[in-house]
Amino acid sequence: LDTLAKLCAVLEVDANTILCVSSYEEEPPQ
């Protein structure tokens, strides 16, 4: 996780994008 945070900063990408957070928020509850 700490490396992922650094990687996202270097690549200028939001960690939420990498971790698919918006996709998770859109999934209906099971």
Full PDB file with SEQRES, HELIX, SHEET, SSBOND, CRYST1, ORIGX, SCALE, CONECT and MASTER records, all heavy atoms in Angstrom:
SEQRES   1 A   30  LEU ASP THR LEU ALA LYS LEU CYS ALA VAL LEU GLU VAL          
SEQRES   2 A   30  ASP ALA ASN THR ILE LEU CYS VAL SER SER TYR GLU GLU          
SEQRES   3 A   30  GLU PRO PRO GLN                                              
HELIX    1 AA1 ASP A    2  LEU A   11  1                                  10    
HELIX    2 AA2 ALA A   15  ILE A   18  1                                   4    
HELIX    3 AA3 VAL A   21  GLU A   26  1                                   6    
CRYST1    1.000    1.000    1.000  90.00  90.00  90.00 P 1           1          
ORIGX1      1.000000  0.000000  0.000000        0.00000                         
ORIGX2      0.000000  1.000000  0.000000        0.00000                         
ORIGX3      0.000000  0.000000  1.000000        0.00000                         
SCALE1      1.000000  0.000000  0.000000        0.00000                         
SCALE2      0.000000  1.000000  0.000000        0.00000                         
SCALE3      0.000000  0.000000  1.000000        0.00000                         
ATOM      1  N   LEU A   1       0.808  -1.220   0.000  1.00  0.00           N  
ATOM      2  CA  LEU A   1       0.000   0.000   0.000  1.00  0.00           C  
ATOM      3  C   LEU A   1       0.837   1.265   0.000  1.00  0.00           C  
ATOM      4  O   LEU A   1       0.523   2.222  -0.718  1.00  0.00           O  
ATOM      5  CB  LEU A   1      -0.970   0.002   1.184  1.00  0.00           C  
ATOM      6  CG  LEU A   1      -2.114  -1.006   1.077  1.00  0.00           C  
ATOM      7  CD1 LEU A   1      -2.975  -0.950   2.326  1.00  0.00           C  
ATOM      8  CD2 LEU A   1      -2.939  -0.766  -0.171  1.00  0.00           C  
ATOM      9  N   ASP A   2       1.920   1.299   0.783  1.00  0.00           N  
ATOM     10  CA  ASP A   2       2.751   2.504   0.789  1.00  0.00           C  
ATOM     11  C   ASP A   2       3.443   2.698  -0.559  1.00  0.00           C  
ATOM     12  O   ASP A   2       3.568   3.821  -1.059  1.00  0.00           O  
ATOM     13  CB  ASP A   2       3.761   2.484   1.935  1.00  0.00           C  
ATOM     14  CG  ASP A   2       4.715   1.298   1.879  1.00  0.00           C  
ATOM     15  OD1 ASP A   2       4.346   0.236   1.348  1.00  0.00           O  
ATOM     16  OD2 ASP A   2       5.846   1.433   2.379  1.00  0.00           O  
ATOM     17  N   THR A   3       3.835   1.606  -1.181  1.00  0.00           N  
ATOM     18  CA  THR A   3       4.453   1.674  -2.506  1.00  0.00           C  
ATOM     19  C   THR A   3       3.419   2.082  -3.548  1.00  0.00           C  
ATOM     20  O   THR A   3       3.711   2.871  -4.451  1.00  0.00           O  
ATOM     21  CB  THR A   3       5.098   0.326  -2.872  1.00  0.00           C  
ATOM     22  OG1 THR A   3       6.023  -0.039  -1.850  1.00  0.00           O  
ATOM     23  CG2 THR A   3       5.814   0.399  -4.207  1.00  0.00           C  
ATOM     24  N   LEU A   4       2.205   1.582  -3.420  1.00  0.00           N  
ATOM     25  CA  LEU A   4       1.135   1.963  -4.338  1.00  0.00           C  
ATOM     26  C   LEU A   4       0.879   3.465  -4.256  1.00  0.00           C  
ATOM     27  O   LEU A   4       0.701   4.130  -5.283  1.00  0.00           O  
ATOM     28  CB  LEU A   4      -0.146   1.191  -4.046  1.00  0.00           C  
ATOM     29  CG  LEU A   4      -1.344   1.558  -4.912  1.00  0.00           C  
ATOM     30  CD1 LEU A   4      -1.078   1.233  -6.385  1.00  0.00           C  
ATOM     31  CD2 LEU A   4      -2.596   0.850  -4.424  1.00  0.00           C  
ATOM     32  N   ALA A   5       0.885   4.008  -3.048  1.00  0.00           N  
ATOM     33  CA  ALA A   5       0.670   5.453  -2.881  1.00  0.00           C  
ATOM     34  C   ALA A   5       1.764   6.244  -3.599  1.00  0.00           C  
ATOM     35  O   ALA A   5       1.480   7.218  -4.309  1.00  0.00           O  
ATOM     36  CB  ALA A   5       0.634   5.806  -1.402  1.00  0.00           C  
ATOM     37  N   LYS A   6       3.009   5.819  -3.445  1.00  0.00           N  
ATOM     38  CA  LYS A   6       4.124   6.496  -4.128  1.00  0.00           C  
ATOM     39  C   LYS A   6       4.002   6.336  -5.638  1.00  0.00           C  
ATOM     40  O   LYS A   6       4.235   7.282  -6.392  1.00  0.00           O  
ATOM     41  CB  LYS A   6       5.461   5.913  -3.666  1.00  0.00           C  
ATOM     42  CG  LYS A   6       5.804   6.199  -2.232  1.00  0.00           C  
ATOM     43  CD  LYS A   6       7.097   5.470  -1.858  1.00  0.00           C  
ATOM     44  CE  LYS A   6       7.334   5.438  -0.376  1.00  0.00           C  
ATOM     45  NZ  LYS A   6       8.510   4.619  -0.046  1.00  0.00           N  
ATOM     46  N   LEU A   7       3.643   5.142  -6.073  1.00  0.00           N  
ATOM     47  CA  LEU A   7       3.498   4.864  -7.492  1.00  0.00           C  
ATOM     48  C   LEU A   7       2.425   5.767  -8.109  1.00  0.00           C  
ATOM     49  O   LEU A   7       2.627   6.344  -9.179  1.00  0.00           O  
ATOM     50  CB  LEU A   7       3.150   3.387  -7.697  1.00  0.00           C  
ATOM     51  CG  LEU A   7       3.088   2.855  -9.121  1.00  0.00           C  
ATOM     52  CD1 LEU A   7       4.430   2.998  -9.824  1.00  0.00           C  
ATOM     53  CD2 LEU A   7       2.658   1.397  -9.104  1.00  0.00           C  
ATOM     54  N   CYS A   8       1.314   5.904  -7.424  1.00  0.00           N  
ATOM     55  CA  CYS A   8       0.239   6.772  -7.916  1.00  0.00           C  
ATOM     56  C   CYS A   8       0.709   8.221  -8.025  1.00  0.00           C  
ATOM     57  O   CYS A   8       0.393   8.907  -9.003  1.00  0.00           O  
ATOM     58  CB  CYS A   8      -0.983   6.677  -7.001  1.00  0.00           C  
ATOM     59  SG  CYS A   8      -1.860   5.107  -7.149  1.00  0.00           S  
ATOM     60  N   ALA A   9       1.478   8.672  -7.048  1.00  0.00           N  
ATOM     61  CA  ALA A   9       1.989  10.049  -7.084  1.00  0.00           C  
ATOM     62  C   ALA A   9       2.927  10.242  -8.268  1.00  0.00           C  
ATOM     63  O   ALA A   9       2.813  11.229  -9.006  1.00  0.00           O  
ATOM     64  CB  ALA A   9       2.696  10.380  -5.775  1.00  0.00           C  
ATOM     65  N   VAL A  10       3.838   9.306  -8.473  1.00  0.00           N  
ATOM     66  CA  VAL A  10       4.806   9.406  -9.573  1.00  0.00           C  
ATOM     67  C   VAL A  10       4.100   9.332 -10.923  1.00  0.00           C  
ATOM     68  O   VAL A  10       4.447  10.060 -11.855  1.00  0.00           O  
ATOM     69  CB  VAL A  10       5.876   8.299  -9.449  1.00  0.00           C  
ATOM     70  CG1 VAL A  10       6.681   8.151 -10.728  1.00  0.00           C  
ATOM     71  CG2 VAL A  10       6.789   8.591  -8.277  1.00  0.00           C  
ATOM     72  N   LEU A  11       3.103   8.473 -11.030  1.00  0.00           N  
ATOM     73  CA  LEU A  11       2.395   8.290 -12.296  1.00  0.00           C  
ATOM     74  C   LEU A  11       1.286   9.318 -12.498  1.00  0.00           C  
ATOM     75  O   LEU A  11       0.632   9.339 -13.540  1.00  0.00           O  
ATOM     76  CB  LEU A  11       1.811   6.875 -12.376  1.00  0.00           C  
ATOM     77  CG  LEU A  11       2.812   5.730 -12.283  1.00  0.00           C  
ATOM     78  CD1 LEU A  11       2.090   4.391 -12.303  1.00  0.00           C  
ATOM     79  CD2 LEU A  11       3.844   5.807 -13.396  1.00  0.00           C  
ATOM     80  N   GLU A  12       1.064  10.131 -11.474  1.00  0.00           N  
ATOM     81  CA  GLU A  12       0.025  11.166 -11.508  1.00  0.00           C  
ATOM     82  C   GLU A  12      -1.352  10.572 -11.797  1.00  0.00           C  
ATOM     83  O   GLU A  12      -2.089  11.020 -12.673  1.00  0.00           O  
ATOM     84  CB  GLU A  12       0.379  12.261 -12.510  1.00  0.00           C  
ATOM     85  CG  GLU A  12       1.656  12.984 -12.154  1.00  0.00           C  
ATOM     86  CD  GLU A  12       2.032  14.067 -13.150  1.00  0.00           C  
ATOM     87  OE1 GLU A  12       1.368  14.205 -14.206  1.00  0.00           O  
ATOM     88  OE2 GLU A  12       3.016  14.783 -12.874  1.00  0.00           O  
ATOM     89  N   VAL A  13      -1.663   9.540 -11.039  1.00  0.00           N  
ATOM     90  CA  VAL A  13      -2.958   8.876 -11.167  1.00  0.00           C  
ATOM     91  C   VAL A  13      -3.570   8.764  -9.771  1.00  0.00           C  
ATOM     92  O   VAL A  13      -2.868   8.560  -8.781  1.00  0.00           O  
ATOM     93  CB  VAL A  13      -2.814   7.490 -11.846  1.00  0.00           C  
ATOM     94  CG1 VAL A  13      -1.993   6.543 -11.022  1.00  0.00           C  
ATOM     95  CG2 VAL A  13      -4.152   6.888 -12.161  1.00  0.00           C  
ATOM     96  N   ASP A  14      -4.862   8.921  -9.687  1.00  0.00           N  
ATOM     97  CA  ASP A  14      -5.576   8.836  -8.417  1.00  0.00           C  
ATOM     98  C   ASP A  14      -5.630   7.379  -7.948  1.00  0.00           C  
ATOM     99  O   ASP A  14      -5.991   6.486  -8.732  1.00  0.00           O  
ATOM    100  CB  ASP A  14      -6.985   9.387  -8.611  1.00  0.00           C  
ATOM    101  CG  ASP A  14      -7.784   9.513  -7.340  1.00  0.00           C  
ATOM    102  OD1 ASP A  14      -7.398   8.950  -6.303  1.00  0.00           O  
ATOM    103  OD2 ASP A  14      -8.825  10.194  -7.374  1.00  0.00           O  
ATOM    104  N   ALA A  15      -5.292   7.136  -6.708  1.00  0.00           N  
ATOM    105  CA  ALA A  15      -5.334   5.775  -6.160  1.00  0.00           C  
ATOM    106  C   ALA A  15      -6.741   5.192  -6.248  1.00  0.00           C  
ATOM    107  O   ALA A  15      -6.907   3.985  -6.425  1.00  0.00           O  
ATOM    108  CB  ALA A  15      -4.838   5.765  -4.716  1.00  0.00           C  
ATOM    109  N   ASN A  16      -7.756   6.033  -6.151  1.00  0.00           N  
ATOM    110  CA  ASN A  16      -9.131   5.548  -6.283  1.00  0.00           C  
ATOM    111  C   ASN A  16      -9.375   4.938  -7.656  1.00  0.00           C  
ATOM    112  O   ASN A  16     -10.124   3.990  -7.794  1.00  0.00           O  
ATOM    113  CB  ASN A  16     -10.130   6.672  -6.037  1.00  0.00           C  
ATOM    114  CG  ASN A  16     -10.154   7.102  -4.593  1.00  0.00           C  
ATOM    115  OD1 ASN A  16      -9.922   6.317  -3.687  1.00  0.00           O  
ATOM    116  ND2 ASN A  16     -10.416   8.379  -4.360  1.00  0.00           N  
ATOM    117  N   THR A  17      -8.728   5.480  -8.660  1.00  0.00           N  
ATOM    118  CA  THR A  17      -8.847   4.930 -10.007  1.00  0.00           C  
ATOM    119  C   THR A  17      -8.202   3.552 -10.072  1.00  0.00           C  
ATOM    120  O   THR A  17      -8.788   2.608 -10.605  1.00  0.00           O  
ATOM    121  CB  THR A  17      -8.185   5.869 -11.038  1.00  0.00           C  
ATOM    122  OG1 THR A  17      -8.840   7.138 -10.969  1.00  0.00           O  
ATOM    123  CG2 THR A  17      -8.264   5.311 -12.432  1.00  0.00           C  
ATOM    124  N   ILE A  18      -6.990   3.449  -9.536  1.00  0.00           N  
ATOM    125  CA  ILE A  18      -6.283   2.159  -9.538  1.00  0.00           C  
ATOM    126  C   ILE A  18      -7.068   1.107  -8.763  1.00  0.00           C  
ATOM    127  O   ILE A  18      -7.178  -0.038  -9.187  1.00  0.00           O  
ATOM    128  CB  ILE A  18      -4.864   2.303  -8.943  1.00  0.00           C  
ATOM    129  CG1 ILE A  18      -4.015   3.260  -9.775  1.00  0.00           C  
ATOM    130  CG2 ILE A  18      -4.185   0.943  -8.774  1.00  0.00           C  
ATOM    131  CD1 ILE A  18      -3.645   2.767 -11.152  1.00  0.00           C  
ATOM    132  N   LEU A  19      -7.624   1.495  -7.626  1.00  0.00           N  
ATOM    133  CA  LEU A  19      -8.329   0.544  -6.766  1.00  0.00           C  
ATOM    134  C   LEU A  19      -9.797   0.366  -7.140  1.00  0.00           C  
ATOM    135  O   LEU A  19     -10.521  -0.343  -6.455  1.00  0.00           O  
ATOM    136  CB  LEU A  19      -8.207   0.990  -5.302  1.00  0.00           C  
ATOM    137  CG  LEU A  19      -6.779   1.003  -4.767  1.00  0.00           C  
ATOM    138  CD1 LEU A  19      -6.754   1.594  -3.361  1.00  0.00           C  
ATOM    139  CD2 LEU A  19      -6.181  -0.390  -4.774  1.00  0.00           C  
ATOM    140  N   CYS A  20     -10.224   1.021  -8.220  1.00  0.00           N  
ATOM    141  CA  CYS A  20     -11.582   0.878  -8.737  1.00  0.00           C  
ATOM    142  C   CYS A  20     -12.637   1.285  -7.706  1.00  0.00           C  
ATOM    143  O   CYS A  20     -13.704   0.672  -7.619  1.00  0.00           O  
ATOM    144  CB  CYS A  20     -11.833  -0.549  -9.209  1.00  0.00           C  
ATOM    145  SG  CYS A  20     -10.574  -1.208 -10.305  1.00  0.00           S  
ATOM    146  N   VAL A  21     -12.348   2.305  -6.918  1.00  0.00           N  
ATOM    147  CA  VAL A  21     -13.266   2.722  -5.859  1.00  0.00           C  
ATOM    148  C   VAL A  21     -14.606   3.151  -6.428  1.00  0.00           C  
ATOM    149  O   VAL A  21     -15.653   2.789  -5.905  1.00  0.00           O  
ATOM    150  CB  VAL A  21     -12.640   3.839  -4.991  1.00  0.00           C  
ATOM    151  CG1 VAL A  21     -13.656   4.445  -4.045  1.00  0.00           C  
ATOM    152  CG2 VAL A  21     -11.448   3.286  -4.229  1.00  0.00           C  
ATOM    153  N   SER A  22     -14.607   3.881  -7.533  1.00  0.00           N  
ATOM    154  CA  SER A  22     -15.881   4.320  -8.097  1.00  0.00           C  
ATOM    155  C   SER A  22     -16.702   3.128  -8.574  1.00  0.00           C  
ATOM    156  O   SER A  22     -17.921   3.126  -8.458  1.00  0.00           O  
ATOM    157  CB  SER A  22     -15.669   5.312  -9.235  1.00  0.00           C  
ATOM    158  OG  SER A  22     -14.958   4.718 -10.286  1.00  0.00           O  
ATOM    159  N   SER A  23     -16.054   2.098  -9.079  1.00  0.00           N  
ATOM    160  CA  SER A  23     -16.768   0.888  -9.493  1.00  0.00           C  
ATOM    161  C   SER A  23     -17.398   0.205  -8.291  1.00  0.00           C  
ATOM    162  O   SER A  23     -18.518  -0.290  -8.353  1.00  0.00           O  
ATOM    163  CB  SER A  23     -15.816  -0.099 -10.176  1.00  0.00           C  
ATOM    164  OG  SER A  23     -15.291   0.453 -11.342  1.00  0.00           O  
ATOM    165  N   TYR A  24     -16.678   0.195  -7.169  1.00  0.00           N  
ATOM    166  CA  TYR A  24     -17.182  -0.429  -5.951  1.00  0.00           C  
ATOM    167  C   TYR A  24     -18.399   0.322  -5.443  1.00  0.00           C  
ATOM    168  O   TYR A  24     -19.389  -0.278  -5.039  1.00  0.00           O  
ATOM    169  CB  TYR A  24     -16.085  -0.460  -4.884  1.00  0.00           C  
ATOM    170  CG  TYR A  24     -16.548  -1.048  -3.576  1.00  0.00           C  
ATOM    171  CD1 TYR A  24     -16.732  -2.414  -3.447  1.00  0.00           C  
ATOM    172  CD2 TYR A  24     -16.805  -0.242  -2.485  1.00  0.00           C  
ATOM    173  CE1 TYR A  24     -17.160  -2.972  -2.251  1.00  0.00           C  
ATOM    174  CE2 TYR A  24     -17.237  -0.783  -1.284  1.00  0.00           C  
ATOM    175  CZ  TYR A  24     -17.408  -2.144  -1.172  1.00  0.00           C  
ATOM    176  OH  TYR A  24     -17.837  -2.673  -0.001  1.00  0.00           O  
ATOM    177  N   GLU A  25     -18.335   1.635  -5.475  1.00  0.00           N  
ATOM    178  CA  GLU A  25     -19.452   2.454  -4.984  1.00  0.00           C  
ATOM    179  C   GLU A  25     -20.699   2.265  -5.825  1.00  0.00           C  
ATOM    180  O   GLU A  25     -21.803   2.441  -5.330  1.00  0.00           O  
ATOM    181  CB  GLU A  25     -19.040   3.924  -4.956  1.00  0.00           C  
ATOM    182  CG  GLU A  25     -17.985   4.221  -3.917  1.00  0.00           C  
ATOM    183  CD  GLU A  25     -17.418   5.635  -4.006  1.00  0.00           C  
ATOM    184  OE1 GLU A  25     -17.707   6.339  -4.997  1.00  0.00           O  
ATOM    185  OE2 GLU A  25     -16.686   6.008  -3.080  1.00  0.00           O  
ATOM    186  N   GLU A  26     -20.543   1.897  -7.088  1.00  0.00           N  
ATOM    187  CA  GLU A  26     -21.680   1.744  -7.981  1.00  0.00           C  
ATOM    188  C   GLU A  26     -22.290   0.355  -7.924  1.00  0.00           C  
ATOM    189  O   GLU A  26     -23.381   0.157  -8.429  1.00  0.00           O  
ATOM    190  CB  GLU A  26     -21.237   2.048  -9.415  1.00  0.00           C  
ATOM    191  CG  GLU A  26     -20.831   3.494  -9.592  1.00  0.00           C  
ATOM    192  CD  GLU A  26     -20.168   3.751 -10.935  1.00  0.00           C  
ATOM    193  OE1 GLU A  26     -20.131   2.839 -11.788  1.00  0.00           O  
ATOM    194  OE2 GLU A  26     -19.680   4.883 -11.123  1.00  0.00           O  
ATOM    195  N   GLU A  27     -21.607  -0.605  -7.328  1.00  0.00           N  
ATOM    196  CA  GLU A  27     -22.131  -1.963  -7.264  1.00  0.00           C  
ATOM    197  C   GLU A  27     -23.305  -2.016  -6.295  1.00  0.00           C  
ATOM    198  O   GLU A  27     -23.252  -1.449  -5.205  1.00  0.00           O  
ATOM    199  CB  GLU A  27     -21.064  -2.940  -6.792  1.00  0.00           C  
ATOM    200  CG  GLU A  27     -20.016  -3.231  -7.818  1.00  0.00           C  
ATOM    201  CD  GLU A  27     -18.991  -4.248  -7.333  1.00  0.00           C  
ATOM    202  OE1 GLU A  27     -19.174  -4.838  -6.249  1.00  0.00           O  
ATOM    203  OE2 GLU A  27     -18.004  -4.455  -8.054  1.00  0.00           O  
ATOM    204  N   PRO A  28     -24.373  -2.718  -6.677  1.00  0.00           N  
ATOM    205  CA  PRO A  28     -25.502  -2.856  -5.753  1.00  0.00           C  
ATOM    206  C   PRO A  28     -25.113  -3.767  -4.588  1.00  0.00           C  
ATOM    207  O   PRO A  28     -24.290  -4.657  -4.734  1.00  0.00           O  
ATOM    208  CB  PRO A  28     -26.584  -3.501  -6.610  1.00  0.00           C  
ATOM    209  CG  PRO A  28     -25.858  -4.163  -7.730  1.00  0.00           C  
ATOM    210  CD  PRO A  28     -24.585  -3.381  -7.935  1.00  0.00           C  
ATOM    211  N   PRO A  29     -25.693  -3.524  -3.426  1.00  0.00           N  
ATOM    212  CA  PRO A  29     -25.393  -4.385  -2.277  1.00  0.00           C  
ATOM    213  C   PRO A  29     -25.840  -5.821  -2.542  1.00  0.00           C  
ATOM    214  O   PRO A  29     -26.848  -6.046  -3.211  1.00  0.00           O  
ATOM    215  CB  PRO A  29     -26.199  -3.776  -1.128  1.00  0.00           C  
ATOM    216  CG  PRO A  29     -27.056  -2.728  -1.713  1.00  0.00           C  
ATOM    217  CD  PRO A  29     -26.660  -2.501  -3.140  1.00  0.00           C  
ATOM    218  N   GLN A  30     -25.062  -6.759  -2.018  1.00  0.00           N  
ATOM    219  CA  GLN A  30     -25.415  -8.163  -2.211  1.00  0.00           C  
ATOM    220  C   GLN A  30     -26.294  -8.630  -1.065  1.00  0.00           C  
ATOM    221  O   GLN A  30     -26.126  -8.221   0.075  1.00  0.00           O  
ATOM    222  CB  GLN A  30     -24.149  -9.004  -2.287  1.00  0.00           C  
ATOM    223  CG  GLN A  30     -23.328  -8.609  -3.493  1.00  0.00           C  
ATOM    224  CD  GLN A  30     -22.255  -9.639  -3.811  1.00  0.00           C  
ATOM    225  OE1 GLN A  30     -22.200 -10.677  -3.185  1.00  0.00           O  
ATOM    226  NE2 GLN A  30     -21.421  -9.328  -4.771  1.00  0.00           N  
TER     227      GLN A  30                                                      
MASTER        0    0    0    3    0    0    0    6  226    1    0    3          
END                                                                             
